[in-house]
Amino acid sequence: MDDALADPQLGYRGLLKALPNPLGREGTYCIPVAPFLMSAGNPQVDRPAPYVGEHTRDVLAEAGFDPSQIEELIHDGAAVQHHARSK
């Protein structure tokens, strides 16, 4: 896999994008971008994927759960909540 990701053609075609480390550590990491081009504009990747549980409260609230139910789900281990990364 390392050999494939190091292929200069991927950089030439713009198929990998370097993003800052989401954990606030030094350095960057590469993520794949859409492997196709569109005539009306291309999808942009400007942030990493969310952490597991990063949006738990928002999703459950949108699904109709009230704050006490969300707390209970998290407390019982039925839902996972992680703090959002610092911006």
C-alpha atoms as a PDB file:
ATOM      1  CA  MET A   1       0.000   0.000   0.000  1.00  0.00           C
ATOM      2  CA  ASP A   2       2.833   2.411   0.814  1.00  0.00           C
ATOM      3  CA  ASP A   3       4.241   1.910  -2.701  1.00  0.00           C
ATOM      4  CA  ALA A   4       0.865   2.681  -4.260  1.00  0.00           C
ATOM      5  CA  LEU A   5       0.430   5.855  -2.201  1.00  0.00           C
ATOM      6  CA  ALA A   6       3.957   6.994  -3.081  1.00  0.00           C
ATOM      7  CA  ASP A   7       3.251   6.775  -6.828  1.00  0.00           C
ATOM      8  CA  PRO A   8       3.915  10.254  -8.303  1.00  0.00           C
ATOM      9  CA  GLN A   9       0.954   9.824 -10.667  1.00  0.00           C
ATOM     10  CA  LEU A  10      -1.415  10.148  -7.679  1.00  0.00           C
ATOM     11  CA  GLY A  11       0.037  13.559  -6.893  1.00  0.00           C
ATOM     12  CA  TYR A  12      -0.025  14.620 -10.517  1.00  0.00           C
ATOM     13  CA  ARG A  13      -3.704  13.665 -10.820  1.00  0.00           C
ATOM     14  CA  GLY A  14      -4.518  15.324  -7.472  1.00  0.00           C
ATOM     15  CA  LEU A  15      -5.916  12.115  -6.006  1.00  0.00           C
ATOM     16  CA  LEU A  16      -4.388  12.664  -2.549  1.00  0.00           C
ATOM     17  CA  LYS A  17      -4.698  15.706  -0.346  1.00  0.00           C
ATOM     18  CA  ALA A  18      -2.509  16.499   2.648  1.00  0.00           C
ATOM     19  CA  LEU A  19      -4.393  17.745   5.709  1.00  0.00           C
ATOM     20  CA  PRO A  20      -3.096  18.893   9.087  1.00  0.00           C
ATOM     21  CA  ASN A  21      -3.064  16.232  11.767  1.00  0.00           C
ATOM     22  CA  PRO A  22      -6.558  16.370  13.354  1.00  0.00           C
ATOM     23  CA  LEU A  23      -5.189  15.541  16.797  1.00  0.00           C
ATOM     24  CA  GLY A  24      -3.142  18.730  16.881  1.00  0.00           C
ATOM     25  CA  ARG A  25       0.136  16.907  16.439  1.00  0.00           C
ATOM     26  CA  GLU A  26       2.887  18.001  14.074  1.00  0.00           C
ATOM     27  CA  GLY A  27       2.740  16.984  10.477  1.00  0.00           C
ATOM     28  CA  THR A  28       0.106  16.093   7.951  1.00  0.00           C
ATOM     29  CA  TYR A  29      -1.561  12.993   6.612  1.00  0.00           C
ATOM     30  CA  CYS A  30      -2.932  12.206   3.181  1.00  0.00           C
ATOM     31  CA  ILE A  31      -6.501  11.329   2.345  1.00  0.00           C
ATOM     32  CA  PRO A  32      -7.912  10.219  -0.995  1.00  0.00           C
ATOM     33  CA  VAL A  33     -10.125  12.604  -2.932  1.00  0.00           C
ATOM     34  CA  ALA A  34     -12.721  11.852  -5.603  1.00  0.00           C
ATOM     35  CA  PRO A  35     -11.061   9.813  -8.376  1.00  0.00           C
ATOM     36  CA  PHE A  36     -13.011  11.598 -11.114  1.00  0.00           C
ATOM     37  CA  LEU A  37     -13.371  15.073 -12.570  1.00  0.00           C
ATOM     38  CA  MET A  38     -16.690  16.817 -13.119  1.00  0.00           C
ATOM     39  CA  SER A  39     -17.420  19.557 -15.631  1.00  0.00           C
ATOM     40  CA  ALA A  40     -19.399  21.675 -13.123  1.00  0.00           C
ATOM     41  CA  GLY A  41     -16.800  21.615 -10.357  1.00  0.00           C
ATOM     42  CA  ASN A  42     -15.120  18.957  -8.313  1.00  0.00           C
ATOM     43  CA  PRO A  43     -15.841  17.770  -4.782  1.00  0.00           C
ATOM     44  CA  GLN A  44     -13.554  19.435  -2.251  1.00  0.00           C
ATOM     45  CA  VAL A  45     -12.063  17.840   0.843  1.00  0.00           C
ATOM     46  CA  ASP A  46     -11.208  20.441   3.449  1.00  0.00           C
ATOM     47  CA  ARG A  47     -11.462  18.560   6.740  1.00  0.00           C
ATOM     48  CA  PRO A  48     -10.905  15.054   8.059  1.00  0.00           C
ATOM     49  CA  ALA A  49     -13.697  12.571   8.645  1.00  0.00           C
ATOM     50  CA  PRO A  50     -15.410  12.935  12.023  1.00  0.00           C
ATOM     51  CA  TYR A  51     -14.335  10.859  14.982  1.00  0.00           C
ATOM     52  CA  VAL A  52     -16.631   8.034  16.053  1.00  0.00           C
ATOM     53  CA  GLY A  53     -19.219   9.674  18.283  1.00  0.00           C
ATOM     54  CA  GLU A  54     -18.211  13.240  17.441  1.00  0.00           C
ATOM     55  CA  HIS A  55     -21.754  14.189  16.380  1.00  0.00           C
ATOM     56  CA  THR A  56     -23.735  11.742  18.535  1.00  0.00           C
ATOM     57  CA  ARG A  57     -25.699  14.363  20.446  1.00  0.00           C
ATOM     58  CA  ASP A  58     -26.632  16.304  17.293  1.00  0.00           C
ATOM     59  CA  VAL A  59     -27.752  13.191  15.402  1.00  0.00           C
ATOM     60  CA  LEU A  60     -29.823  11.847  18.301  1.00  0.00           C
ATOM     61  CA  ALA A  61     -31.413  15.257  18.871  1.00  0.00           C
ATOM     62  CA  GLU A  62     -32.363  15.474  15.187  1.00  0.00           C
ATOM     63  CA  ALA A  63     -33.873  11.972  15.510  1.00  0.00           C
ATOM     64  CA  GLY A  64     -36.187  13.285  18.240  1.00  0.00           C
ATOM     65  CA  PHE A  65     -34.399  12.248  21.442  1.00  0.00           C
ATOM     66  CA  ASP A  66     -34.510  14.800  24.251  1.00  0.00           C
ATOM     67  CA  PRO A  67     -31.343  15.696  26.234  1.00  0.00           C
ATOM     68  CA  SER A  68     -32.164  13.366  29.145  1.00  0.00           C
ATOM     69  CA  GLN A  69     -32.700  10.419  26.795  1.00  0.00           C
ATOM     70  CA  ILE A  70     -29.406  11.182  25.044  1.00  0.00           C
ATOM     71  CA  GLU A  71     -27.590  11.287  28.392  1.00  0.00           C
ATOM     72  CA  GLU A  72     -29.123   7.948  29.330  1.00  0.00           C
ATOM     73  CA  LEU A  73     -28.085   6.336  26.035  1.00  0.00           C
ATOM     74  CA  ILE A  74     -24.515   7.572  26.475  1.00  0.00           C
ATOM     75  CA  HIS A  75     -24.407   6.574  30.166  1.00  0.00           C
ATOM     76  CA  ASP A  76     -25.709   3.064  29.362  1.00  0.00           C
ATOM     77  CA  GLY A  77     -23.165   2.632  26.545  1.00  0.00           C
ATOM     78  CA  ALA A  78     -25.825   2.436  23.839  1.00  0.00           C
ATOM     79  CA  ALA A  79     -24.376   5.576  22.223  1.00  0.00           C
ATOM     80  CA  VAL A  80     -20.820   6.883  22.129  1.00  0.00           C
ATOM     81  CA  GLN A  81     -19.877  10.513  22.662  1.00  0.00           C
ATOM     82  CA  HIS A  82     -16.443  11.954  21.985  1.00  0.00           C
ATOM     83  CA  HIS A  83     -15.514  15.597  22.251  1.00  0.00           C
ATOM     84  CA  ALA A  84     -15.045  17.453  18.998  1.00  0.00           C
ATOM     85  CA  ARG A  85     -11.504  18.256  18.003  1.00  0.00           C
ATOM     86  CA  SER A  86     -10.236  21.714  18.764  1.00  0.00           C
ATOM     87  CA  LYS A  87     -10.463  24.155  15.880  1.00  0.00           C
END
